[in-house]
ModelCIF file with pLDDT and N, C-alpha, C, O atoms, coordinates in Angstrom:
data_MODEL
#
_entry.id   MODEL 
#
_entity.id                         1 
_entity.type                       polymer 
_entity.pdbx_number_of_molecules   1 
#
_entity_poly.entity_id                      1 
_entity_poly.type                           'polypeptide(L)' 
_entity_poly.nstd_linkage                   no 
_entity_poly.nstd_monomer                   no 
_entity_poly.pdbx_seq_one_letter_code       RFKDPNGNKYLLCYHGQEGVKPCVSLTYLKDGTRNHKQVIVE 
_entity_poly.pdbx_seq_one_letter_code_can   RFKDPNGNKYLLCYHGQEGVKPCVSLTYLKDGTRNHKQVIVE 
_entity_poly.pdbx_strand_id                 A 
#
loop_
_entity_poly_seq.entity_id 
_entity_poly_seq.num 
_entity_poly_seq.mon_id 
_entity_poly_seq.hetero 
1 1  ARG n 
1 2  PHE n 
1 3  LYS n 
1 4  ASP n 
1 5  PRO n 
1 6  ASN n 
1 7  GLY n 
1 8  ASN n 
1 9  LYS n 
1 10 TYR n 
1 11 LEU n 
1 12 LEU n 
1 13 CYS n 
1 14 TYR n 
1 15 HIS n 
1 16 GLY n 
1 17 GLN n 
1 18 GLU n 
1 19 GLY n 
1 20 VAL n 
1 21 LYS n 
1 22 PRO n 
1 23 CYS n 
1 24 VAL n 
1 25 SER n 
1 26 LEU n 
1 27 THR n 
1 28 TYR n 
1 29 LEU n 
1 30 LYS n 
1 31 ASP n 
1 32 GLY n 
1 33 THR n 
1 34 ARG n 
1 35 ASN n 
1 36 HIS n 
1 37 LYS n 
1 38 GLN n 
1 39 VAL n 
1 40 ILE n 
1 41 VAL n 
1 42 GLU n 
#
_struct_asym.id          A 
_struct_asym.entity_id   1 
#
loop_
_ma_qa_metric.id 
_ma_qa_metric.mode 
_ma_qa_metric.name 
_ma_qa_metric.software_group_id 
_ma_qa_metric.type 
1 global pLDDT . pLDDT 
2 local  pLDDT . pLDDT 
#
_ma_qa_metric_global.metric_id      1 
_ma_qa_metric_global.metric_value   89.43 
_ma_qa_metric_global.model_id       1 
_ma_qa_metric_global.ordinal_id     1 
#
loop_
_ma_qa_metric_local.label_asym_id 
_ma_qa_metric_local.label_comp_id 
_ma_qa_metric_local.label_seq_id 
_ma_qa_metric_local.metric_id 
_ma_qa_metric_local.metric_value 
_ma_qa_metric_local.model_id 
_ma_qa_metric_local.ordinal_id 
A ARG 1  2 96.00 1 1  
A PHE 2  2 95.00 1 2  
A LYS 3  2 95.00 1 3  
A ASP 4  2 93.00 1 4  
A PRO 5  2 93.00 1 5  
A ASN 6  2 93.00 1 6  
A GLY 7  2 94.00 1 7  
A ASN 8  2 94.00 1 8  
A LYS 9  2 95.00 1 9  
A TYR 10 2 95.00 1 10 
A LEU 11 2 95.00 1 11 
A LEU 12 2 95.00 1 12 
A CYS 13 2 94.00 1 13 
A TYR 14 2 92.00 1 14 
A HIS 15 2 85.00 1 15 
A GLY 16 2 84.00 1 16 
A GLN 17 2 83.00 1 17 
A GLU 18 2 76.00 1 18 
A GLY 19 2 79.00 1 19 
A VAL 20 2 82.00 1 20 
A LYS 21 2 89.00 1 21 
A PRO 22 2 92.00 1 22 
A CYS 23 2 93.00 1 23 
A VAL 24 2 94.00 1 24 
A SER 25 2 93.00 1 25 
A LEU 26 2 93.00 1 26 
A THR 27 2 93.00 1 27 
A TYR 28 2 93.00 1 28 
A LEU 29 2 94.00 1 29 
A LYS 30 2 93.00 1 30 
A ASP 31 2 93.00 1 31 
A GLY 32 2 88.00 1 32 
A THR 33 2 88.00 1 33 
A ARG 34 2 83.00 1 34 
A ASN 35 2 67.00 1 35 
A HIS 36 2 68.00 1 36 
A LYS 37 2 78.00 1 37 
A GLN 38 2 87.00 1 38 
A VAL 39 2 91.00 1 39 
A ILE 40 2 92.00 1 40 
A VAL 41 2 94.00 1 41 
A GLU 42 2 92.00 1 42 
#
loop_
_atom_site.group_PDB 
_atom_site.id 
_atom_site.type_symbol 
_atom_site.label_atom_id 
_atom_site.label_alt_id 
_atom_site.label_comp_id 
_atom_site.label_asym_id 
_atom_site.label_entity_id 
_atom_site.label_seq_id 
_atom_site.pdbx_PDB_ins_code 
_atom_site.Cartn_x 
_atom_site.Cartn_y 
_atom_site.Cartn_z 
_atom_site.occupancy 
_atom_site.B_iso_or_equiv 
_atom_site.pdbx_formal_charge 
_atom_site.auth_seq_id 
_atom_site.auth_comp_id 
_atom_site.auth_asym_id 
_atom_site.auth_atom_id 
_atom_site.pdbx_PDB_model_num 
ATOM 1   N N  . ARG A 1 1  ? 94.465  94.930  82.723 1.00 96.00 ? 1  ARG A N  1 
ATOM 2   C CA . ARG A 1 1  ? 94.132  96.068  83.592 1.00 96.00 ? 1  ARG A CA 1 
ATOM 3   C C  . ARG A 1 1  ? 93.774  95.573  84.988 1.00 96.00 ? 1  ARG A C  1 
ATOM 4   O O  . ARG A 1 1  ? 93.196  94.501  85.163 1.00 96.00 ? 1  ARG A O  1 
ATOM 5   N N  . PHE A 1 2  ? 94.137  96.392  85.980 1.00 95.00 ? 2  PHE A N  1 
ATOM 6   C CA . PHE A 1 2  ? 93.981  96.018  87.376 1.00 95.00 ? 2  PHE A CA 1 
ATOM 7   C C  . PHE A 1 2  ? 93.388  97.160  88.181 1.00 95.00 ? 2  PHE A C  1 
ATOM 8   O O  . PHE A 1 2  ? 93.478  98.326  87.796 1.00 95.00 ? 2  PHE A O  1 
ATOM 9   N N  . LYS A 1 3  ? 92.768  96.797  89.325 1.00 95.00 ? 3  LYS A N  1 
ATOM 10  C CA . LYS A 1 3  ? 92.287  97.777  90.303 1.00 95.00 ? 3  LYS A CA 1 
ATOM 11  C C  . LYS A 1 3  ? 92.978  97.498  91.624 1.00 95.00 ? 3  LYS A C  1 
ATOM 12  O O  . LYS A 1 3  ? 93.269  96.351  91.964 1.00 95.00 ? 3  LYS A O  1 
ATOM 13  N N  . ASP A 1 4  ? 93.238  98.584  92.371 1.00 93.00 ? 4  ASP A N  1 
ATOM 14  C CA . ASP A 1 4  ? 93.723  98.412  93.742 1.00 93.00 ? 4  ASP A CA 1 
ATOM 15  C C  . ASP A 1 4  ? 92.513  98.471  94.682 1.00 93.00 ? 4  ASP A C  1 
ATOM 16  O O  . ASP A 1 4  ? 91.399  98.720  94.220 1.00 93.00 ? 4  ASP A O  1 
ATOM 17  N N  . PRO A 1 5  ? 92.699  98.250  95.975 1.00 93.00 ? 5  PRO A N  1 
ATOM 18  C CA . PRO A 1 5  ? 91.559  98.253  96.907 1.00 93.00 ? 5  PRO A CA 1 
ATOM 19  C C  . PRO A 1 5  ? 90.789  99.576  96.961 1.00 93.00 ? 5  PRO A C  1 
ATOM 20  O O  . PRO A 1 5  ? 89.634  99.596  97.388 1.00 93.00 ? 5  PRO A O  1 
ATOM 21  N N  . ASN A 1 6  ? 91.414  100.686 96.533 1.00 93.00 ? 6  ASN A N  1 
ATOM 22  C CA . ASN A 1 6  ? 90.742  101.988 96.524 1.00 93.00 ? 6  ASN A CA 1 
ATOM 23  C C  . ASN A 1 6  ? 90.003  102.266 95.222 1.00 93.00 ? 6  ASN A C  1 
ATOM 24  O O  . ASN A 1 6  ? 89.401  103.329 95.072 1.00 93.00 ? 6  ASN A O  1 
ATOM 25  N N  . GLY A 1 7  ? 90.038  101.317 94.268 1.00 94.00 ? 7  GLY A N  1 
ATOM 26  C CA . GLY A 1 7  ? 89.357  101.499 92.992 1.00 94.00 ? 7  GLY A CA 1 
ATOM 27  C C  . GLY A 1 7  ? 90.196  102.177 91.932 1.00 94.00 ? 7  GLY A C  1 
ATOM 28  O O  . GLY A 1 7  ? 89.711  102.397 90.822 1.00 94.00 ? 7  GLY A O  1 
ATOM 29  N N  . ASN A 1 8  ? 91.449  102.520 92.238 1.00 94.00 ? 8  ASN A N  1 
ATOM 30  C CA . ASN A 1 8  ? 92.344  103.105 91.234 1.00 94.00 ? 8  ASN A CA 1 
ATOM 31  C C  . ASN A 1 8  ? 92.667  102.056 90.180 1.00 94.00 ? 8  ASN A C  1 
ATOM 32  O O  . ASN A 1 8  ? 92.841  100.880 90.500 1.00 94.00 ? 8  ASN A O  1 
ATOM 33  N N  . LYS A 1 9  ? 92.745  102.480 88.929 1.00 95.00 ? 9  LYS A N  1 
ATOM 34  C CA . LYS A 1 9  ? 92.948  101.547 87.828 1.00 95.00 ? 9  LYS A CA 1 
ATOM 35  C C  . LYS A 1 9  ? 94.358  101.682 87.249 1.00 95.00 ? 9  LYS A C  1 
ATOM 36  O O  . LYS A 1 9  ? 94.913  102.776 87.152 1.00 95.00 ? 9  LYS A O  1 
ATOM 37  N N  . TYR A 1 10 ? 94.921  100.518 86.864 1.00 95.00 ? 10 TYR A N  1 
ATOM 38  C CA . TYR A 1 10 ? 96.285  100.440 86.353 1.00 95.00 ? 10 TYR A CA 1 
ATOM 39  C C  . TYR A 1 10 ? 96.333  99.570  85.108 1.00 95.00 ? 10 TYR A C  1 
ATOM 40  O O  . TYR A 1 10 ? 95.518  98.665  84.928 1.00 95.00 ? 10 TYR A O  1 
ATOM 41  N N  . LEU A 1 11 ? 97.303  99.863  84.255 1.00 95.00 ? 11 LEU A N  1 
ATOM 42  C CA . LEU A 1 11 ? 97.549  99.090  83.045 1.00 95.00 ? 11 LEU A CA 1 
ATOM 43  C C  . LEU A 1 11 ? 98.928  98.452  83.157 1.00 95.00 ? 11 LEU A C  1 
ATOM 44  O O  . LEU A 1 11 ? 99.893  99.124  83.523 1.00 95.00 ? 11 LEU A O  1 
ATOM 45  N N  . LEU A 1 12 ? 99.028  97.173  82.850 1.00 95.00 ? 12 LEU A N  1 
ATOM 46  C CA . LEU A 1 12 ? 100.320 96.493  82.841 1.00 95.00 ? 12 LEU A CA 1 
ATOM 47  C C  . LEU A 1 12 ? 100.997 96.821  81.514 1.00 95.00 ? 12 LEU A C  1 
ATOM 48  O O  . LEU A 1 12 ? 100.542 96.388  80.455 1.00 95.00 ? 12 LEU A O  1 
ATOM 49  N N  . CYS A 1 13 ? 102.088 97.592  81.574 1.00 94.00 ? 13 CYS A N  1 
ATOM 50  C CA . CYS A 1 13 ? 102.730 98.142  80.371 1.00 94.00 ? 13 CYS A CA 1 
ATOM 51  C C  . CYS A 1 13 ? 104.143 97.623  80.162 1.00 94.00 ? 13 CYS A C  1 
ATOM 52  O O  . CYS A 1 13 ? 104.865 97.320  81.112 1.00 94.00 ? 13 CYS A O  1 
ATOM 53  N N  . TYR A 1 14 ? 104.511 97.529  78.906 1.00 92.00 ? 14 TYR A N  1 
ATOM 54  C CA . TYR A 1 14 ? 105.882 97.220  78.491 1.00 92.00 ? 14 TYR A CA 1 
ATOM 55  C C  . TYR A 1 14 ? 106.666 98.528  78.488 1.00 92.00 ? 14 TYR A C  1 
ATOM 56  O O  . TYR A 1 14 ? 106.192 99.542  77.975 1.00 92.00 ? 14 TYR A O  1 
ATOM 57  N N  . HIS A 1 15 ? 107.875 98.500  79.066 1.00 85.00 ? 15 HIS A N  1 
ATOM 58  C CA . HIS A 1 15 ? 108.665 99.730  79.145 1.00 85.00 ? 15 HIS A CA 1 
ATOM 59  C C  . HIS A 1 15 ? 110.067 99.598  78.565 1.00 85.00 ? 15 HIS A C  1 
ATOM 60  O O  . HIS A 1 15 ? 110.972 100.323 78.979 1.00 85.00 ? 15 HIS A O  1 
ATOM 61  N N  . GLY A 1 16 ? 110.263 98.691  77.620 1.00 84.00 ? 16 GLY A N  1 
ATOM 62  C CA . GLY A 1 16 ? 111.560 98.559  76.985 1.00 84.00 ? 16 GLY A CA 1 
ATOM 63  C C  . GLY A 1 16 ? 112.335 97.362  77.499 1.00 84.00 ? 16 GLY A C  1 
ATOM 64  O O  . GLY A 1 16 ? 111.805 96.504  78.205 1.00 84.00 ? 16 GLY A O  1 
ATOM 65  N N  . GLN A 1 17 ? 113.602 97.329  77.127 1.00 83.00 ? 17 GLN A N  1 
ATOM 66  C CA . GLN A 1 17 ? 114.464 96.197  77.426 1.00 83.00 ? 17 GLN A CA 1 
ATOM 67  C C  . GLN A 1 17 ? 115.485 96.531  78.500 1.00 83.00 ? 17 GLN A C  1 
ATOM 68  O O  . GLN A 1 17 ? 115.934 97.671  78.618 1.00 83.00 ? 17 GLN A O  1 
ATOM 69  N N  . GLU A 1 18 ? 115.844 95.525  79.276 1.00 76.00 ? 18 GLU A N  1 
ATOM 70  C CA . GLU A 1 18 ? 116.979 95.606  80.193 1.00 76.00 ? 18 GLU A CA 1 
ATOM 71  C C  . GLU A 1 18 ? 117.905 94.500  79.714 1.00 76.00 ? 18 GLU A C  1 
ATOM 72  O O  . GLU A 1 18 ? 117.726 93.336  80.070 1.00 76.00 ? 18 GLU A O  1 
ATOM 73  N N  . GLY A 1 19 ? 118.898 94.866  78.905 1.00 79.00 ? 19 GLY A N  1 
ATOM 74  C CA . GLY A 1 19 ? 119.714 93.852  78.245 1.00 79.00 ? 19 GLY A CA 1 
ATOM 75  C C  . GLY A 1 19 ? 118.875 93.199  77.162 1.00 79.00 ? 19 GLY A C  1 
ATOM 76  O O  . GLY A 1 19 ? 118.419 93.867  76.234 1.00 79.00 ? 19 GLY A O  1 
ATOM 77  N N  . VAL A 1 20 ? 118.672 91.891  77.281 1.00 82.00 ? 20 VAL A N  1 
ATOM 78  C CA . VAL A 1 20 ? 117.885 91.178  76.268 1.00 82.00 ? 20 VAL A CA 1 
ATOM 79  C C  . VAL A 1 20 ? 116.480 90.842  76.757 1.00 82.00 ? 20 VAL A C  1 
ATOM 80  O O  . VAL A 1 20 ? 115.700 90.255  76.008 1.00 82.00 ? 20 VAL A O  1 
ATOM 81  N N  . LYS A 1 21 ? 116.137 91.198  77.993 1.00 89.00 ? 21 LYS A N  1 
ATOM 82  C CA . LYS A 1 21 ? 114.833 90.845  78.548 1.00 89.00 ? 21 LYS A CA 1 
ATOM 83  C C  . LYS A 1 21 ? 113.926 92.067  78.668 1.00 89.00 ? 21 LYS A C  1 
ATOM 84  O O  . LYS A 1 21 ? 114.394 93.174  78.934 1.00 89.00 ? 21 LYS A O  1 
ATOM 85  N N  . PRO A 1 22 ? 112.623 91.856  78.468 1.00 92.00 ? 22 PRO A N  1 
ATOM 86  C CA . PRO A 1 22 ? 111.669 92.972  78.556 1.00 92.00 ? 22 PRO A CA 1 
ATOM 87  C C  . PRO A 1 22 ? 111.386 93.399  79.994 1.00 92.00 ? 22 PRO A C  1 
ATOM 88  O O  . PRO A 1 22 ? 111.510 92.608  80.929 1.00 92.00 ? 22 PRO A O  1 
ATOM 89  N N  . CYS A 1 23 ? 111.007 94.660  80.151 1.00 93.00 ? 23 CYS A N  1 
ATOM 90  C CA . CYS A 1 23 ? 110.622 95.220  81.450 1.00 93.00 ? 23 CYS A CA 1 
ATOM 91  C C  . CYS A 1 23 ? 109.174 95.673  81.387 1.00 93.00 ? 23 CYS A C  1 
ATOM 92  O O  . CYS A 1 23 ? 108.725 96.221  80.380 1.00 93.00 ? 23 CYS A O  1 
ATOM 93  N N  . VAL A 1 24 ? 108.445 95.438  82.477 1.00 94.00 ? 24 VAL A N  1 
ATOM 94  C CA . VAL A 1 24 ? 107.047 95.860  82.574 1.00 94.00 ? 24 VAL A CA 1 
ATOM 95  C C  . VAL A 1 24 ? 106.807 96.524  83.922 1.00 94.00 ? 24 VAL A C  1 
ATOM 96  O O  . VAL A 1 24 ? 107.582 96.346  84.861 1.00 94.00 ? 24 VAL A O  1 
ATOM 97  N N  . SER A 1 25 ? 105.730 97.287  84.006 1.00 93.00 ? 25 SER A N  1 
ATOM 98  C CA . SER A 1 25 ? 105.316 97.872  85.278 1.00 93.00 ? 25 SER A CA 1 
ATOM 99  C C  . SER A 1 25 ? 103.834 98.203  85.201 1.00 93.00 ? 25 SER A C  1 
ATOM 100 O O  . SER A 1 25 ? 103.233 98.167  84.127 1.00 93.00 ? 25 SER A O  1 
ATOM 101 N N  . LEU A 1 26 ? 103.250 98.527  86.352 1.00 93.00 ? 26 LEU A N  1 
ATOM 102 C CA . LEU A 1 26 ? 101.866 98.987  86.403 1.00 93.00 ? 26 LEU A CA 1 
ATOM 103 C C  . LEU A 1 26 ? 101.854 100.500 86.263 1.00 93.00 ? 26 LEU A C  1 
ATOM 104 O O  . LEU A 1 26 ? 102.568 101.207 86.975 1.00 93.00 ? 26 LEU A O  1 
ATOM 105 N N  . THR A 1 27 ? 101.040 100.987 85.342 1.00 93.00 ? 27 THR A N  1 
ATOM 106 C CA . THR A 1 27 ? 100.927 102.414 85.082 1.00 93.00 ? 27 THR A CA 1 
ATOM 107 C C  . THR A 1 27 ? 99.536  102.875 85.488 1.00 93.00 ? 27 THR A C  1 
ATOM 108 O O  . THR A 1 27 ? 98.530  102.286 85.091 1.00 93.00 ? 27 THR A O  1 
ATOM 109 N N  . TYR A 1 28 ? 99.494  103.941 86.287 1.00 93.00 ? 28 TYR A N  1 
ATOM 110 C CA . TYR A 1 28 ? 98.233  104.501 86.788 1.00 93.00 ? 28 TYR A CA 1 
ATOM 111 C C  . TYR A 1 28 ? 97.494  105.136 85.614 1.00 93.00 ? 28 TYR A C  1 
ATOM 112 O O  . TYR A 1 28 ? 98.031  106.024 84.951 1.00 93.00 ? 28 TYR A O  1 
ATOM 113 N N  . LEU A 1 29 ? 96.266  104.688 85.353 1.00 94.00 ? 29 LEU A N  1 
ATOM 114 C CA . LEU A 1 29 ? 95.529  105.161 84.185 1.00 94.00 ? 29 LEU A CA 1 
ATOM 115 C C  . LEU A 1 29 ? 95.086  106.617 84.278 1.00 94.00 ? 29 LEU A C  1 
ATOM 116 O O  . LEU A 1 29 ? 94.888  107.262 83.248 1.00 94.00 ? 29 LEU A O  1 
ATOM 117 N N  . LYS A 1 30 ? 94.928  107.144 85.481 1.00 93.00 ? 30 LYS A N  1 
ATOM 118 C CA . LYS A 1 30 ? 94.443  108.520 85.629 1.00 93.00 ? 30 LYS A CA 1 
ATOM 119 C C  . LYS A 1 30 ? 95.456  109.539 85.098 1.00 93.00 ? 30 LYS A C  1 
ATOM 120 O O  . LYS A 1 30 ? 95.076  110.503 84.433 1.00 93.00 ? 30 LYS A O  1 
ATOM 121 N N  . ASP A 1 31 ? 96.757  109.323 85.394 1.00 93.00 ? 31 ASP A N  1 
ATOM 122 C CA . ASP A 1 31 ? 97.745  110.331 84.962 1.00 93.00 ? 31 ASP A CA 1 
ATOM 123 C C  . ASP A 1 31 ? 98.983  109.756 84.275 1.00 93.00 ? 31 ASP A C  1 
ATOM 124 O O  . ASP A 1 31 ? 99.901  110.503 83.938 1.00 93.00 ? 31 ASP A O  1 
ATOM 125 N N  . GLY A 1 32 ? 99.020  108.431 84.061 1.00 88.00 ? 32 GLY A N  1 
ATOM 126 C CA . GLY A 1 32 ? 100.128 107.827 83.325 1.00 88.00 ? 32 GLY A CA 1 
ATOM 127 C C  . GLY A 1 32 ? 101.409 107.617 84.115 1.00 88.00 ? 32 GLY A C  1 
ATOM 128 O O  . GLY A 1 32 ? 102.435 107.260 83.536 1.00 88.00 ? 32 GLY A O  1 
ATOM 129 N N  . THR A 1 33 ? 101.370 107.829 85.416 1.00 88.00 ? 33 THR A N  1 
ATOM 130 C CA . THR A 1 33 ? 102.581 107.637 86.216 1.00 88.00 ? 33 THR A CA 1 
ATOM 131 C C  . THR A 1 33 ? 102.775 106.159 86.539 1.00 88.00 ? 33 THR A C  1 
ATOM 132 O O  . THR A 1 33 ? 101.821 105.390 86.651 1.00 88.00 ? 33 THR A O  1 
ATOM 133 N N  . ARG A 1 34 ? 104.045 105.793 86.684 1.00 83.00 ? 34 ARG A N  1 
ATOM 134 C CA . ARG A 1 34 ? 104.380 104.433 87.115 1.00 83.00 ? 34 ARG A CA 1 
ATOM 135 C C  . ARG A 1 34 ? 104.483 104.465 88.623 1.00 83.00 ? 34 ARG A C  1 
ATOM 136 O O  . ARG A 1 34 ? 105.448 104.998 89.172 1.00 83.00 ? 34 ARG A O  1 
ATOM 137 N N  . ASN A 1 35 ? 103.512 103.908 89.286 1.00 67.00 ? 35 ASN A N  1 
ATOM 138 C CA . ASN A 1 35 ? 103.490 103.924 90.746 1.00 67.00 ? 35 ASN A CA 1 
ATOM 139 C C  . ASN A 1 35 ? 104.175 102.721 91.347 1.00 67.00 ? 35 ASN A C  1 
ATOM 140 O O  . ASN A 1 35 ? 104.295 102.626 92.568 1.00 67.00 ? 35 ASN A O  1 
ATOM 141 N N  . HIS A 1 36 ? 104.622 101.808 90.526 1.00 68.00 ? 36 HIS A N  1 
ATOM 142 C CA . HIS A 1 36 ? 105.250 100.595 91.004 1.00 68.00 ? 36 HIS A CA 1 
ATOM 143 C C  . HIS A 1 36 ? 106.519 100.346 90.195 1.00 68.00 ? 36 HIS A C  1 
ATOM 144 O O  . HIS A 1 36 ? 106.671 100.841 89.078 1.00 68.00 ? 36 HIS A O  1 
ATOM 145 N N  . LYS A 1 37 ? 107.407 99.586  90.771 1.00 78.00 ? 37 LYS A N  1 
ATOM 146 C CA . LYS A 1 37 ? 108.707 99.409  90.139 1.00 78.00 ? 37 LYS A CA 1 
ATOM 147 C C  . LYS A 1 37 ? 108.618 98.659  88.814 1.00 78.00 ? 37 LYS A C  1 
ATOM 148 O O  . LYS A 1 37 ? 107.715 97.855  88.585 1.00 78.00 ? 37 LYS A O  1 
ATOM 149 N N  . GLN A 1 38 ? 109.572 98.947  87.964 1.00 87.00 ? 38 GLN A N  1 
ATOM 150 C CA . GLN A 1 38 ? 109.714 98.285  86.684 1.00 87.00 ? 38 GLN A CA 1 
ATOM 151 C C  . GLN A 1 38 ? 110.448 96.966  86.929 1.00 87.00 ? 38 GLN A C  1 
ATOM 152 O O  . GLN A 1 38 ? 111.471 96.948  87.613 1.00 87.00 ? 38 GLN A O  1 
ATOM 153 N N  . VAL A 1 39 ? 109.938 95.867  86.379 1.00 91.00 ? 39 VAL A N  1 
ATOM 154 C CA . VAL A 1 39 ? 110.473 94.542  86.652 1.00 91.00 ? 39 VAL A CA 1 
ATOM 155 C C  . VAL A 1 39 ? 110.824 93.839  85.342 1.00 91.00 ? 39 VAL A C  1 
ATOM 156 O O  . VAL A 1 39 ? 110.086 93.928  84.361 1.00 91.00 ? 39 VAL A O  1 
ATOM 157 N N  . ILE A 1 40 ? 111.955 93.143  85.339 1.00 92.00 ? 40 ILE A N  1 
ATOM 158 C CA . ILE A 1 40 ? 112.364 92.335  84.188 1.00 92.00 ? 40 ILE A CA 1 
ATOM 159 C C  . ILE A 1 40 ? 111.563 91.041  84.208 1.00 92.00 ? 40 ILE A C  1 
ATOM 160 O O  . ILE A 1 40 ? 111.450 90.395  85.249 1.00 92.00 ? 40 ILE A O  1 
ATOM 161 N N  . VAL A 1 41 ? 111.006 90.659  83.054 1.00 94.00 ? 41 VAL A N  1 
ATOM 162 C CA . VAL A 1 41 ? 110.235 89.417  82.928 1.00 94.00 ? 41 VAL A CA 1 
ATOM 163 C C  . VAL A 1 41 ? 110.774 88.605  81.754 1.00 94.00 ? 41 VAL A C  1 
ATOM 164 O O  . VAL A 1 41 ? 111.497 89.126  80.905 1.00 94.00 ? 41 VAL A O  1 
ATOM 165 N N  . GLU A 1 42 ? 110.419 87.340  81.718 1.00 92.00 ? 42 GLU A N  1 
ATOM 166 C CA . GLU A 1 42 ? 110.838 86.474  80.609 1.00 92.00 ? 42 GLU A CA 1 
ATOM 167 C C  . GLU A 1 42 ? 110.043 86.793  79.342 1.00 92.00 ? 42 GLU A C  1 
ATOM 168 O O  . GLU A 1 42 ? 110.257 86.166  78.304 1.00 92.00 ? 42 GLU A O  1 
#
């Protein structure tokens, strides 16, 4: 879990696969929206 400079809280979430690699993004805890792009990780 993370905070931004304004105190908003986010959860680093798994959002499925892109091919064979997993994708994650930060999800805003207040309303569940993804405010940041989904990124492929190892």
